Amino acid sequence: MQPEISDRCASDMAFAHNLMGRWLNSIYLQAPHIKPADEKGFARYTPGWAEQQTGLLGLMEANISQHEAFHDGLDAFKVHIDNLLSGQANYEGLEIVALADAFLPALMTYLVDEVPTIQGLRK
């Protein structure tokens, strides 16, 4: 028996969310330990995660309010990383962690809740 298309889509989204969560986890855990020589390289590592997230805006109507709950914090994170890369800000690992703390709880709720929303598409 073939799985429902909605189940396959939900599974694919769960894999994508897992990747995003692991990427953010690596940023969160390593940011306070980055040496000055590695600051720019680490800052270049972080935007890909944010770019994946902003591409999801409005994907599912039922999840829009959850997305809005982390959107401003995610934007602030991206602005800070852009400022690091352009030399307009100095690297501070604990600041990156604080910026992540501002949106992480809402983001995790969104990532978890979106999978059942996609499964509900079978209706």
PDB file of N, CA and C in Angstrom:
ATOM      1  N   MET A   1       0.844  -1.183   0.000  1.00  0.00           N
ATOM      2  CA  MET A   1       0.000   0.000   0.000  1.00  0.00           C
ATOM      3  C   MET A   1       0.887   1.244   0.000  1.00  0.00           C
ATOM      4  N   GLN A   2       0.596   2.133  -0.913  1.00  0.00           N
ATOM      5  CA  GLN A   2       1.335   3.393  -1.023  1.00  0.00           C
ATOM      6  C   GLN A   2       0.908   4.354   0.086  1.00  0.00           C
ATOM      7  N   PRO A   3       1.870   5.070   0.674  1.00  0.00           N
ATOM      8  CA  PRO A   3       1.467   6.087   1.647  1.00  0.00           C
ATOM      9  C   PRO A   3       0.723   7.225   0.946  1.00  0.00           C
ATOM     10  N   GLU A   4      -0.159   7.852   1.689  1.00  0.00           N
ATOM     11  CA  GLU A   4      -0.872   9.024   1.170  1.00  0.00           C
ATOM     12  C   GLU A   4       0.146  10.090   0.766  1.00  0.00           C
ATOM     13  N   ILE A   5      -0.163  10.844  -0.274  1.00  0.00           N
ATOM     14  CA  ILE A   5       0.734  11.919  -0.711  1.00  0.00           C
ATOM     15  C   ILE A   5       0.950  12.926   0.423  1.00  0.00           C
ATOM     16  N   SER A   6      -0.076  13.180   1.229  1.00  0.00           N
ATOM     17  CA  SER A   6       0.065  14.125   2.339  1.00  0.00           C
ATOM     18  C   SER A   6       1.043  13.594   3.382  1.00  0.00           C
ATOM     19  N   ASP A   7       1.051  12.274   3.596  1.00  0.00           N
ATOM     20  CA  ASP A   7       2.004  11.681   4.532  1.00  0.00           C
ATOM     21  C   ASP A   7       3.431  11.793   4.002  1.00  0.00           C
ATOM     22  N   ARG A   8       3.598  11.580   2.698  1.00  0.00           N
ATOM     23  CA  ARG A   8       4.940  11.718   2.108  1.00  0.00           C
ATOM     24  C   ARG A   8       5.415  13.162   2.197  1.00  0.00           C
ATOM     25  N   CYS A   9       4.526  14.104   1.917  1.00  0.00           N
ATOM     26  CA  CYS A   9       4.902  15.522   2.022  1.00  0.00           C
ATOM     27  C   CYS A   9       5.246  15.889   3.464  1.00  0.00           C
ATOM     28  N   ALA A  10       4.451  15.401   4.402  1.00  0.00           N
ATOM     29  CA  ALA A  10       4.715  15.682   5.813  1.00  0.00           C
ATOM     30  C   ALA A  10       6.048  15.081   6.239  1.00  0.00           C
ATOM     31  N   SER A  11       6.348  13.894   5.757  1.00  0.00           N
ATOM     32  CA  SER A  11       7.622  13.262   6.075  1.00  0.00           C
ATOM     33  C   SER A  11       8.783  14.066   5.502  1.00  0.00           C
ATOM     34  N   ASP A  12       8.643  14.517   4.262  1.00  0.00           N
ATOM     35  CA  ASP A  12       9.684  15.357   3.665  1.00  0.00           C
ATOM     36  C   ASP A  12       9.869  16.649   4.453  1.00  0.00           C
ATOM     37  N   MET A  13       8.755  17.244   4.902  1.00  0.00           N
ATOM     38  CA  MET A  13       8.846  18.477   5.680  1.00  0.00           C
ATOM     39  C   MET A  13       9.505  18.207   7.022  1.00  0.00           C
ATOM     40  N   ALA A  14       9.195  17.070   7.632  1.00  0.00           N
ATOM     41  CA  ALA A  14       9.832  16.717   8.901  1.00  0.00           C
ATOM     42  C   ALA A  14      11.337  16.575   8.726  1.00  0.00           C
ATOM     43  N   PHE A  15      11.774  15.977   7.615  1.00  0.00           N
ATOM     44  CA  PHE A  15      13.211  15.874   7.347  1.00  0.00           C
ATOM     45  C   PHE A  15      13.828  17.262   7.182  1.00  0.00           C
ATOM     46  N   ALA A  16      13.145  18.135   6.440  1.00  0.00           N
ATOM     47  CA  ALA A  16      13.655  19.499   6.251  1.00  0.00           C
ATOM     48  C   ALA A  16      13.730  20.233   7.585  1.00  0.00           C
ATOM     49  N   HIS A  17      12.707  20.079   8.415  1.00  0.00           N
ATOM     50  CA  HIS A  17      12.712  20.729   9.728  1.00  0.00           C
ATOM     51  C   HIS A  17      13.836  20.187  10.603  1.00  0.00           C
ATOM     52  N   ASN A  18      14.093  18.898  10.503  1.00  0.00           N
ATOM     53  CA  ASN A  18      15.178  18.292  11.259  1.00  0.00           C
ATOM     54  C   ASN A  18      16.507  18.915  10.840  1.00  0.00           C
ATOM     55  N   LEU A  19      16.716  19.057   9.534  1.00  0.00           N
ATOM     56  CA  LEU A  19      17.932  19.687   9.033  1.00  0.00           C
ATOM     57  C   LEU A  19      18.054  21.113   9.567  1.00  0.00           C
ATOM     58  N   MET A  20      16.967  21.876   9.499  1.00  0.00           N
ATOM     59  CA  MET A  20      16.989  23.257   9.987  1.00  0.00           C
ATOM     60  C   MET A  20      17.301  23.311  11.480  1.00  0.00           C
ATOM     61  N   GLY A  21      16.680  22.415  12.223  1.00  0.00           N
ATOM     62  CA  GLY A  21      16.923  22.375  13.667  1.00  0.00           C
ATOM     63  C   GLY A  21      18.357  22.025  13.994  1.00  0.00           C
ATOM     64  N   ARG A  22      18.932  21.077  13.272  1.00  0.00           N
ATOM     65  CA  ARG A  22      20.327  20.703  13.511  1.00  0.00           C
ATOM     66  C   ARG A  22      21.270  21.837  13.125  1.00  0.00           C
ATOM     67  N   TRP A  23      20.952  22.540  12.045  1.00  0.00           N
ATOM     68  CA  TRP A  23      21.778  23.665  11.611  1.00  0.00           C
ATOM     69  C   TRP A  23      21.747  24.757  12.676  1.00  0.00           C
ATOM     70  N   LEU A  24      20.551  25.083  13.143  1.00  0.00           N
ATOM     71  CA  LEU A  24      20.439  26.092  14.192  1.00  0.00           C
ATOM     72  C   LEU A  24      21.145  25.629  15.464  1.00  0.00           C
ATOM     73  N   ASN A  25      21.009  24.368  15.807  1.00  0.00           N
ATOM     74  CA  ASN A  25      21.674  23.830  16.984  1.00  0.00           C
ATOM     75  C   ASN A  25      23.189  24.008  16.882  1.00  0.00           C
ATOM     76  N   SER A  26      23.741  23.745  15.706  1.00  0.00           N
ATOM     77  CA  SER A  26      25.187  23.907  15.534  1.00  0.00           C
ATOM     78  C   SER A  26      25.599  25.368  15.695  1.00  0.00           C
ATOM     79  N   ILE A  27      24.779  26.290  15.188  1.00  0.00           N
ATOM     80  CA  ILE A  27      25.057  27.720  15.351  1.00  0.00           C
ATOM     81  C   ILE A  27      24.983  28.087  16.829  1.00  0.00           C
ATOM     82  N   TYR A  28      23.916  27.669  17.464  1.00  0.00           N
ATOM     83  CA  TYR A  28      23.650  28.011  18.861  1.00  0.00           C
ATOM     84  C   TYR A  28      24.756  27.499  19.780  1.00  0.00           C
ATOM     85  N   LEU A  29      25.178  26.257  19.575  1.00  0.00           N
ATOM     86  CA  LEU A  29      26.178  25.657  20.455  1.00  0.00           C
ATOM     87  C   LEU A  29      27.591  26.173  20.181  1.00  0.00           C
ATOM     88  N   GLN A  30      27.895  26.473  18.940  1.00  0.00           N
ATOM     89  CA  GLN A  30      29.259  26.867  18.603  1.00  0.00           C
ATOM     90  C   GLN A  30      29.513  28.367  18.687  1.00  0.00           C
ATOM     91  N   ALA A  31      28.491  29.194  18.559  1.00  0.00           N
ATOM     92  CA  ALA A  31      28.676  30.649  18.508  1.00  0.00           C
ATOM     93  C   ALA A  31      29.538  31.197  19.648  1.00  0.00           C
ATOM     94  N   PRO A  32      29.349  30.778  20.889  1.00  0.00           N
ATOM     95  CA  PRO A  32      30.175  31.339  21.963  1.00  0.00           C
ATOM     96  C   PRO A  32      31.641  30.901  21.923  1.00  0.00           C
ATOM     97  N   HIS A  33      31.975  29.934  21.095  1.00  0.00           N
ATOM     98  CA  HIS A  33      33.325  29.366  21.112  1.00  0.00           C
ATOM     99  C   HIS A  33      34.153  29.696  19.874  1.00  0.00           C
ATOM    100  N   ILE A  34      33.633  30.528  18.990  1.00  0.00           N
ATOM    101  CA  ILE A  34      34.321  30.845  17.749  1.00  0.00           C
ATOM    102  C   ILE A  34      35.501  31.777  18.036  1.00  0.00           C
ATOM    103  N   LYS A  35      36.645  31.427  17.492  1.00  0.00           N
ATOM    104  CA  LYS A  35      37.851  32.237  17.656  1.00  0.00           C
ATOM    105  C   LYS A  35      37.820  33.398  16.662  1.00  0.00           C
ATOM    106  N   PRO A  36      38.495  34.501  16.995  1.00  0.00           N
ATOM    107  CA  PRO A  36      38.471  35.671  16.097  1.00  0.00           C
ATOM    108  C   PRO A  36      38.815  35.347  14.644  1.00  0.00           C
ATOM    109  N   ALA A  37      39.759  34.470  14.414  1.00  0.00           N
ATOM    110  CA  ALA A  37      40.144  34.142  13.037  1.00  0.00           C
ATOM    111  C   ALA A  37      39.016  33.447  12.274  1.00  0.00           C
ATOM    112  N   ASP A  38      38.050  32.871  12.980  1.00  0.00           N
ATOM    113  CA  ASP A  38      36.970  32.122  12.342  1.00  0.00           C
ATOM    114  C   ASP A  38      35.633  32.861  12.325  1.00  0.00           C
ATOM    115  N   GLU A  39      35.593  34.076  12.841  1.00  0.00           N
ATOM    116  CA  GLU A  39      34.319  34.802  12.972  1.00  0.00           C
ATOM    117  C   GLU A  39      33.629  35.029  11.629  1.00  0.00           C
ATOM    118  N   LYS A  40      34.358  35.503  10.636  1.00  0.00           N
ATOM    119  CA  LYS A  40      33.732  35.767   9.322  1.00  0.00           C
ATOM    120  C   LYS A  40      33.250  34.464   8.681  1.00  0.00           C
ATOM    121  N   GLY A  41      34.057  33.425   8.767  1.00  0.00           N
ATOM    122  CA  GLY A  41      33.656  32.138   8.203  1.00  0.00           C
ATOM    123  C   GLY A  41      32.406  31.605   8.871  1.00  0.00           C
ATOM    124  N   PHE A  42      32.356  31.721  10.181  1.00  0.00           N
ATOM    125  CA  PHE A  42      31.176  31.259  10.910  1.00  0.00           C
ATOM    126  C   PHE A  42      29.960  32.108  10.548  1.00  0.00           C
ATOM    127  N   ALA A  43      30.168  33.417  10.436  1.00  0.00           N
ATOM    128  CA  ALA A  43      29.057  34.300  10.049  1.00  0.00           C
ATOM    129  C   ALA A  43      28.546  33.941   8.653  1.00  0.00           C
ATOM    130  N   ARG A  44      29.441  33.530   7.757  1.00  0.00           N
ATOM    131  CA  ARG A  44      29.000  33.116   6.415  1.00  0.00           C
ATOM    132  C   ARG A  44      28.218  31.799   6.462  1.00  0.00           C
ATOM    133  N   TYR A  45      28.467  30.984   7.461  1.00  0.00           N
ATOM    134  CA  TYR A  45      27.773  29.709   7.629  1.00  0.00           C
ATOM    135  C   TYR A  45      26.307  29.895   8.027  1.00  0.00           C
ATOM    136  N   THR A  46      26.016  30.950   8.763  1.00  0.00           N
ATOM    137  CA  THR A  46      24.683  31.100   9.348  1.00  0.00           C
ATOM    138  C   THR A  46      23.579  31.554   8.401  1.00  0.00           C
ATOM    139  N   PRO A  47      23.807  32.399   7.390  1.00  0.00           N
ATOM    140  CA  PRO A  47      22.663  32.891   6.595  1.00  0.00           C
ATOM    141  C   PRO A  47      21.881  31.824   5.860  1.00  0.00           C
ATOM    142  N   GLY A  48      22.501  30.744   5.445  1.00  0.00           N
ATOM    143  CA  GLY A  48      21.770  29.704   4.725  1.00  0.00           C
ATOM    144  C   GLY A  48      20.608  29.172   5.523  1.00  0.00           C
ATOM    145  N   TRP A  49      20.798  29.072   6.822  1.00  0.00           N
ATOM    146  CA  TRP A  49      19.711  28.619   7.684  1.00  0.00           C
ATOM    147  C   TRP A  49      18.575  29.631   7.656  1.00  0.00           C
ATOM    148  N   ALA A  50      18.883  30.888   7.822  1.00  0.00           N
ATOM    149  CA  ALA A  50      17.855  31.933   7.833  1.00  0.00           C
ATOM    150  C   ALA A  50      17.143  32.030   6.487  1.00  0.00           C
ATOM    151  N   GLU A  51      17.884  31.875   5.399  1.00  0.00           N
ATOM    152  CA  GLU A  51      17.275  31.943   4.078  1.00  0.00           C
ATOM    153  C   GLU A  51      16.285  30.816   3.883  1.00  0.00           C
ATOM    154  N   GLN A  52      16.587  29.633   4.393  1.00  0.00           N
ATOM    155  CA  GLN A  52      15.616  28.542   4.295  1.00  0.00           C
ATOM    156  C   GLN A  52      14.349  28.895   5.044  1.00  0.00           C
ATOM    157  N   GLN A  53      14.490  29.492   6.208  1.00  0.00           N
ATOM    158  CA  GLN A  53      13.323  29.810   7.018  1.00  0.00           C
ATOM    159  C   GLN A  53      12.453  30.869   6.365  1.00  0.00           C
ATOM    160  N   THR A  54      13.036  31.947   5.893  1.00  0.00           N
ATOM    161  CA  THR A  54      12.216  33.011   5.331  1.00  0.00           C
ATOM    162  C   THR A  54      11.483  32.558   4.083  1.00  0.00           C
ATOM    163  N   GLY A  55      11.946  31.510   3.425  1.00  0.00           N
ATOM    164  CA  GLY A  55      11.253  30.990   2.255  1.00  0.00           C
ATOM    165  C   GLY A  55       9.937  30.321   2.590  1.00  0.00           C
ATOM    166  N   LEU A  56       9.652  30.103   3.866  1.00  0.00           N
ATOM    167  CA  LEU A  56       8.430  29.410   4.266  1.00  0.00           C
ATOM    168  C   LEU A  56       7.266  30.351   4.587  1.00  0.00           C
ATOM    169  N   LEU A  57       7.483  31.636   4.525  1.00  0.00           N
ATOM    170  CA  LEU A  57       6.442  32.586   4.890  1.00  0.00           C
ATOM    171  C   LEU A  57       5.159  32.323   4.107  1.00  0.00           C
ATOM    172  N   GLY A  58       4.071  32.087   4.834  1.00  0.00           N
ATOM    173  CA  GLY A  58       2.768  31.903   4.213  1.00  0.00           C
ATOM    174  C   GLY A  58       2.549  30.548   3.568  1.00  0.00           C
ATOM    175  N   LEU A  59       3.422  29.586   3.822  1.00  0.00           N
ATOM    176  CA  LEU A  59       3.292  28.285   3.173  1.00  0.00           C
ATOM    177  C   LEU A  59       1.952  27.628   3.496  1.00  0.00           C
ATOM    178  N   MET A  60       1.574  27.651   4.749  1.00  0.00           N
ATOM    179  CA  MET A  60       0.324  27.012   5.158  1.00  0.00           C
ATOM    180  C   MET A  60      -0.504  28.022   5.943  1.00  0.00           C
ATOM    181  N   GLU A  61      -1.717  28.245   5.519  1.00  0.00           N
ATOM    182  CA  GLU A  61      -2.585  29.244   6.141  1.00  0.00           C
ATOM    183  C   GLU A  61      -2.725  29.039   7.647  1.00  0.00           C
ATOM    184  N   ALA A  62      -2.885  27.798   8.083  1.00  0.00           N
ATOM    185  CA  ALA A  62      -3.094  27.519   9.511  1.00  0.00           C
ATOM    186  C   ALA A  62      -1.871  27.843  10.350  1.00  0.00           C
ATOM    187  N   ASN A  63      -0.709  27.949   9.742  1.00  0.00           N
ATOM    188  CA  ASN A  63       0.527  28.177  10.492  1.00  0.00           C
ATOM    189  C   ASN A  63       1.038  29.613  10.391  1.00  0.00           C
ATOM    190  N   ILE A  64       0.291  30.487   9.751  1.00  0.00           N
ATOM    191  CA  ILE A  64       0.765  31.858   9.553  1.00  0.00           C
ATOM    192  C   ILE A  64       0.989  32.587  10.870  1.00  0.00           C
ATOM    193  N   SER A  65       0.076  32.481  11.813  1.00  0.00           N
ATOM    194  CA  SER A  65       0.263  33.196  13.081  1.00  0.00           C
ATOM    195  C   SER A  65       1.489  32.677  13.822  1.00  0.00           C
ATOM    196  N   GLN A  66       1.742  31.375  13.720  1.00  0.00           N
ATOM    197  CA  GLN A  66       2.958  30.833  14.342  1.00  0.00           C
ATOM    198  C   GLN A  66       4.196  31.384  13.641  1.00  0.00           C
ATOM    199  N   HIS A  67       4.148  31.476  12.338  1.00  0.00           N
ATOM    200  CA  HIS A  67       5.280  32.014  11.590  1.00  0.00           C
ATOM    201  C   HIS A  67       5.532  33.459  12.003  1.00  0.00           C
ATOM    202  N   GLU A  68       4.459  34.232  12.127  1.00  0.00           N
ATOM    203  CA  GLU A  68       4.604  35.638  12.517  1.00  0.00           C
ATOM    204  C   GLU A  68       5.230  35.778  13.898  1.00  0.00           C
ATOM    205  N   ALA A  69       5.021  34.789  14.765  1.00  0.00           N
ATOM    206  CA  ALA A  69       5.561  34.857  16.127  1.00  0.00           C
ATOM    207  C   ALA A  69       7.085  34.791  16.143  1.00  0.00           C
ATOM    208  N   PHE A  70       7.705  34.177  15.144  1.00  0.00           N
ATOM    209  CA  PHE A  70       9.171  34.123  15.129  1.00  0.00           C
ATOM    210  C   PHE A  70       9.792  34.972  14.028  1.00  0.00           C
ATOM    211  N   HIS A  71       8.974  35.544  13.162  1.00  0.00           N
ATOM    212  CA  HIS A  71       9.485  36.254  11.990  1.00  0.00           C
ATOM    213  C   HIS A  71      10.372  37.443  12.355  1.00  0.00           C
ATOM    214  N   ASP A  72       9.948  38.299  13.287  1.00  0.00           N
ATOM    215  CA  ASP A  72      10.738  39.483  13.637  1.00  0.00           C
ATOM    216  C   ASP A  72      12.077  39.087  14.252  1.00  0.00           C
ATOM    217  N   GLY A  73      12.062  38.084  15.118  1.00  0.00           N
ATOM    218  CA  GLY A  73      13.310  37.616  15.712  1.00  0.00           C
ATOM    219  C   GLY A  73      14.253  37.040  14.674  1.00  0.00           C
ATOM    220  N   LEU A  74      13.689  36.320  13.715  1.00  0.00           N
ATOM    221  CA  LEU A  74      14.500  35.768  12.634  1.00  0.00           C
ATOM    222  C   LEU A  74      15.080  36.887  11.780  1.00  0.00           C
ATOM    223  N   ASP A  75      14.285  37.908  11.505  1.00  0.00           N
ATOM    224  CA  ASP A  75      14.789  39.060  10.750  1.00  0.00           C
ATOM    225  C   ASP A  75      15.933  39.740  11.498  1.00  0.00           C
ATOM    226  N   ALA A  76      15.787  39.918  12.821  1.00  0.00           N
ATOM    227  CA  ALA A  76      16.847  40.547  13.614  1.00  0.00           C
ATOM    228  C   ALA A  76      18.121  39.703  13.557  1.00  0.00           C
ATOM    229  N   PHE A  77      17.969  38.384  13.593  1.00  0.00           N
ATOM    230  CA  PHE A  77      19.109  37.475  13.483  1.00  0.00           C
ATOM    231  C   PHE A  77      19.819  37.683  12.150  1.00  0.00           C
ATOM    232  N   LYS A  78      19.044  37.712  11.063  1.00  0.00           N
ATOM    233  CA  LYS A  78      19.627  37.880   9.735  1.00  0.00           C
ATOM    234  C   LYS A  78      20.306  39.234   9.593  1.00  0.00           C
ATOM    235  N   VAL A  79      19.694  40.295  10.097  1.00  0.00           N
ATOM    236  CA  VAL A  79      20.303  41.632  10.035  1.00  0.00           C
ATOM    237  C   VAL A  79      21.646  41.625  10.761  1.00  0.00           C
ATOM    238  N   HIS A  80      21.666  41.000  11.935  1.00  0.00           N
ATOM    239  CA  HIS A  80      22.915  40.947  12.690  1.00  0.00           C
ATOM    240  C   HIS A  80      23.999  40.204  11.912  1.00  0.00           C
ATOM    241  N   ILE A  81      23.656  39.080  11.316  1.00  0.00           N
ATOM    242  CA  ILE A  81      24.632  38.315  10.531  1.00  0.00           C
ATOM    243  C   ILE A  81      25.097  39.129   9.329  1.00  0.00           C
ATOM    244  N   ASP A  82      24.172  39.796   8.653  1.00  0.00           N
ATOM    245  CA  ASP A  82      24.559  40.662   7.521  1.00  0.00           C
ATOM    246  C   ASP A  82      25.524  41.752   7.986  1.00  0.00           C
ATOM    247  N   ASN A  83      25.258  42.328   9.170  1.00  0.00           N
ATOM    248  CA  ASN A  83      26.140  43.361   9.705  1.00  0.00           C
ATOM    249  C   ASN A  83      27.513  42.799  10.057  1.00  0.00           C
ATOM    250  N   LEU A  84      27.557  41.578  10.550  1.00  0.00           N
ATOM    251  CA  LEU A  84      28.849  40.934  10.815  1.00  0.00           C
ATOM    252  C   LEU A  84      29.636  40.762   9.517  1.00  0.00           C
ATOM    253  N   LEU A  85      28.962  40.268   8.509  1.00  0.00           N
ATOM    254  CA  LEU A  85      29.639  40.002   7.241  1.00  0.00           C
ATOM    255  C   LEU A  85      30.105  41.271   6.551  1.00  0.00           C
ATOM    256  N   SER A  86      29.378  42.376   6.745  1.00  0.00           N
ATOM    257  CA  SER A  86      29.758  43.638   6.103  1.00  0.00           C
ATOM    258  C   SER A  86      30.740  44.440   6.948  1.00  0.00           C
ATOM    259  N   GLY A  87      31.047  43.962   8.145  1.00  0.00           N
ATOM    260  CA  GLY A  87      31.975  44.681   9.019  1.00  0.00           C
ATOM    261  C   GLY A  87      31.330  45.778   9.843  1.00  0.00           C
ATOM    262  N   GLN A  88      30.002  45.887   9.812  1.00  0.00           N
ATOM    263  CA  GLN A  88      29.300  46.916  10.573  1.00  0.00           C
ATOM    264  C   GLN A  88      29.068  46.522  12.024  1.00  0.00           C
ATOM    265  N   ALA A  89      29.337  45.274  12.372  1.00  0.00           N
ATOM    266  CA  ALA A  89      29.173  44.801  13.746  1.00  0.00           C
ATOM    267  C   ALA A  89      30.362  43.908  14.088  1.00  0.00           C
ATOM    268  N   ASN A  90      30.676  43.862  15.356  1.00  0.00           N
ATOM    269  CA  ASN A  90      31.726  42.974  15.846  1.00  0.00           C
ATOM    270  C   ASN A  90      31.103  41.657  16.286  1.00  0.00           C
ATOM    271  N   TYR A  91      31.849  40.592  16.135  1.00  0.00           N
ATOM    272  CA  TYR A  91      31.360  39.267  16.507  1.00  0.00           C
ATOM    273  C   TYR A  91      31.277  39.133  18.020  1.00  0.00           C
ATOM    274  N   GLU A  92      30.154  38.597  18.467  1.00  0.00           N
ATOM    275  CA  GLU A  92      29.958  38.263  19.882  1.00  0.00           C
ATOM    276  C   GLU A  92      29.066  37.035  19.922  1.00  0.00           C
ATOM    277  N   GLY A  93      29.656  35.896  20.251  1.00  0.00           N
ATOM    278  CA  GLY A  93      28.926  34.636  20.232  1.00  0.00           C
ATOM    279  C   GLY A  93      27.693  34.636  21.101  1.00  0.00           C
ATOM    280  N   LEU A  94      27.790  35.229  22.287  1.00  0.00           N
ATOM    281  CA  LEU A  94      26.624  35.247  23.179  1.00  0.00           C
ATOM    282  C   LEU A  94      25.497  36.112  22.618  1.00  0.00           C
ATOM    283  N   GLU A  95      25.828  37.093  21.792  1.00  0.00           N
ATOM    284  CA  GLU A  95      24.781  37.895  21.141  1.00  0.00           C
ATOM    285  C   GLU A  95      24.023  37.048  20.112  1.00  0.00           C
ATOM    286  N   ILE A  96      24.740  36.199  19.395  1.00  0.00           N
ATOM    287  CA  ILE A  96      24.083  35.298  18.443  1.00  0.00           C
ATOM    288  C   ILE A  96      23.142  34.360  19.186  1.00  0.00           C
ATOM    289  N   VAL A  97      23.592  33.838  20.319  1.00  0.00           N
ATOM    290  CA  VAL A  97      22.743  32.962  21.129  1.00  0.00           C
ATOM    291  C   VAL A  97      21.513  33.725  21.622  1.00  0.00           C
ATOM    292  N   ALA A  98      21.702  34.956  22.088  1.00  0.00           N
ATOM    293  CA  ALA A  98      20.571  35.759  22.573  1.00  0.00           C
ATOM    294  C   ALA A  98      19.570  36.033  21.448  1.00  0.00           C
ATOM    295  N   LEU A  99      20.068  36.328  20.261  1.00  0.00           N
ATOM    296  CA  LEU A  99      19.172  36.551  19.124  1.00  0.00           C
ATOM    297  C   LEU A  99      18.393  35.280  18.792  1.00  0.00           C
ATOM    298  N   ALA A 100      19.054  34.131  18.862  1.00  0.00           N
ATOM    299  CA  ALA A 100      18.370  32.854  18.606  1.00  0.00           C
ATOM    300  C   ALA A 100      17.332  32.588  19.697  1.00  0.00           C
ATOM    301  N   ASP A 101      17.675  32.896  20.954  1.00  0.00           N
ATOM    302  CA  ASP A 101      16.730  32.696  22.054  1.00  0.00           C
ATOM    303  C   ASP A 101      15.444  33.495  21.858  1.00  0.00           C
ATOM    304  N   ALA A 102      15.536  34.613  21.160  1.00  0.00           N
ATOM    305  CA  ALA A 102      14.365  35.473  20.973  1.00  0.00           C
ATOM    306  C   ALA A 102      13.307  34.841  20.066  1.00  0.00           C
ATOM    307  N   PHE A 103      13.711  33.959  19.164  1.00  0.00           N
ATOM    308  CA  PHE A 103      12.717  33.370  18.255  1.00  0.00           C
ATOM    309  C   PHE A 103      12.643  31.852  18.315  1.00  0.00           C
ATOM    310  N   LEU A 104      13.578  31.224  18.973  1.00  0.00           N
ATOM    311  CA  LEU A 104      13.640  29.769  18.969  1.00  0.00           C
ATOM    312  C   LEU A 104      12.396  29.071  19.518  1.00  0.00           C
ATOM    313  N   PRO A 105      11.827  29.474  20.671  1.00  0.00           N
ATOM    314  CA  PRO A 105      10.634  28.761  21.157  1.00  0.00           C
ATOM    315  C   PRO A 105       9.462  28.794  20.160  1.00  0.00           C
ATOM    316  N   ALA A 106       9.203  29.963  19.590  1.00  0.00           N
ATOM    317  CA  ALA A 106       8.105  30.070  18.622  1.00  0.00           C
ATOM    318  C   ALA A 106       8.416  29.282  17.353  1.00  0.00           C
ATOM    319  N   LEU A 107       9.666  29.306  16.923  1.00  0.00           N
ATOM    320  CA  LEU A 107      10.055  28.559  15.732  1.00  0.00           C
ATOM    321  C   LEU A 107       9.864  27.062  15.939  1.00  0.00           C
ATOM    322  N   MET A 108      10.280  26.552  17.075  1.00  0.00           N
ATOM    323  CA  MET A 108      10.165  25.114  17.312  1.00  0.00           C
ATOM    324  C   MET A 108       8.695  24.673  17.343  1.00  0.00           C
ATOM    325  N   THR A 109       7.833  25.481  17.927  1.00  0.00           N
ATOM    326  CA  THR A 109       6.397  25.174  17.914  1.00  0.00           C
ATOM    327  C   THR A 109       5.894  25.100  16.474  1.00  0.00           C
ATOM    328  N   TYR A 110       6.276  26.066  15.678  1.00  0.00           N
ATOM    329  CA  TYR A 110       5.885  26.111  14.270  1.00  0.00           C
ATOM    330  C   TYR A 110       6.364  24.866  13.526  1.00  0.00           C
ATOM    331  N   LEU A 111       7.637  24.512  13.704  1.00  0.00           N
ATOM    332  CA  LEU A 111       8.195  23.372  12.983  1.00  0.00           C
ATOM    333  C   LEU A 111       7.491  22.073  13.347  1.00  0.00           C
ATOM    334  N   VAL A 112       7.160  21.910  14.608  1.00  0.00           N
ATOM    335  CA  VAL A 112       6.470  20.703  15.050  1.00  0.00           C
ATOM    336  C   VAL A 112       5.031  20.675  14.533  1.00  0.00           C
ATOM    337  N   ASP A 113       4.333  21.796  14.623  1.00  0.00           N
ATOM    338  CA  ASP A 113       2.921  21.842  14.248  1.00  0.00           C
ATOM    339  C   ASP A 113       2.686  21.796  12.742  1.00  0.00           C
ATOM    340  N   GLU A 114       3.666  22.180  11.954  1.00  0.00           N
ATOM    341  CA  GLU A 114       3.450  22.218  10.513  1.00  0.00           C
ATOM    342  C   GLU A 114       3.318  20.814   9.920  1.00  0.00           C
ATOM    343  N   VAL A 115       4.008  19.843  10.482  1.00  0.00           N
ATOM    344  CA  VAL A 115       3.951  18.489   9.929  1.00  0.00           C
ATOM    345  C   VAL A 115       2.524  17.927   9.963  1.00  0.00           C
ATOM    346  N   PRO A 116       1.800  17.966  11.114  1.00  0.00           N
ATOM    347  CA  PRO A 116       0.420  17.484  11.080  1.00  0.00           C
ATOM    348  C   PRO A 116      -0.491  18.310  10.169  1.00  0.00           C
ATOM    349  N   THR A 117      -0.167  19.593  10.026  1.00  0.00           N
ATOM    350  CA  THR A 117      -0.953  20.423   9.098  1.00  0.00           C
ATOM    351  C   THR A 117      -0.841  19.868   7.688  1.00  0.00           C
ATOM    352  N   ILE A 118       0.363  19.513   7.285  1.00  0.00           N
ATOM    353  CA  ILE A 118       0.561  18.943   5.948  1.00  0.00           C
ATOM    354  C   ILE A 118      -0.121  17.587   5.841  1.00  0.00           C
ATOM    355  N   GLN A 119      -0.046  16.786   6.902  1.00  0.00           N
ATOM    356  CA  GLN A 119      -0.747  15.493   6.872  1.00  0.00           C
ATOM    357  C   GLN A 119      -2.248  15.703   6.700  1.00  0.00           C
ATOM    358  N   GLY A 120      -2.773  16.800   7.239  1.00  0.00           N
ATOM    359  CA  GLY A 120      -4.192  17.095   7.127  1.00  0.00           C
ATOM    360  C   GLY A 120      -4.640  17.424   5.711  1.00  0.00           C
ATOM    361  N   LEU A 121      -3.687  17.613   4.802  1.00  0.00           N
ATOM    362  CA  LEU A 121      -4.047  17.920   3.420  1.00  0.00           C
ATOM    363  C   LEU A 121      -4.793  16.768   2.750  1.00  0.00           C
ATOM    364  N   ARG A 122      -4.691  15.575   3.311  1.00  0.00           N
ATOM    365  CA  ARG A 122      -5.390  14.441   2.704  1.00  0.00           C
ATOM    366  C   ARG A 122      -6.904  14.646   2.737  1.00  0.00           C
ATOM    367  N   LYS A 123      -7.376  15.506   3.639  1.00  0.00           N
ATOM    368  CA  LYS A 123      -8.815  15.785   3.722  1.00  0.00           C
ATOM    369  C   LYS A 123      -9.252  16.553   2.508  1.00  0.00           C
TER     370      LYS A 123
END
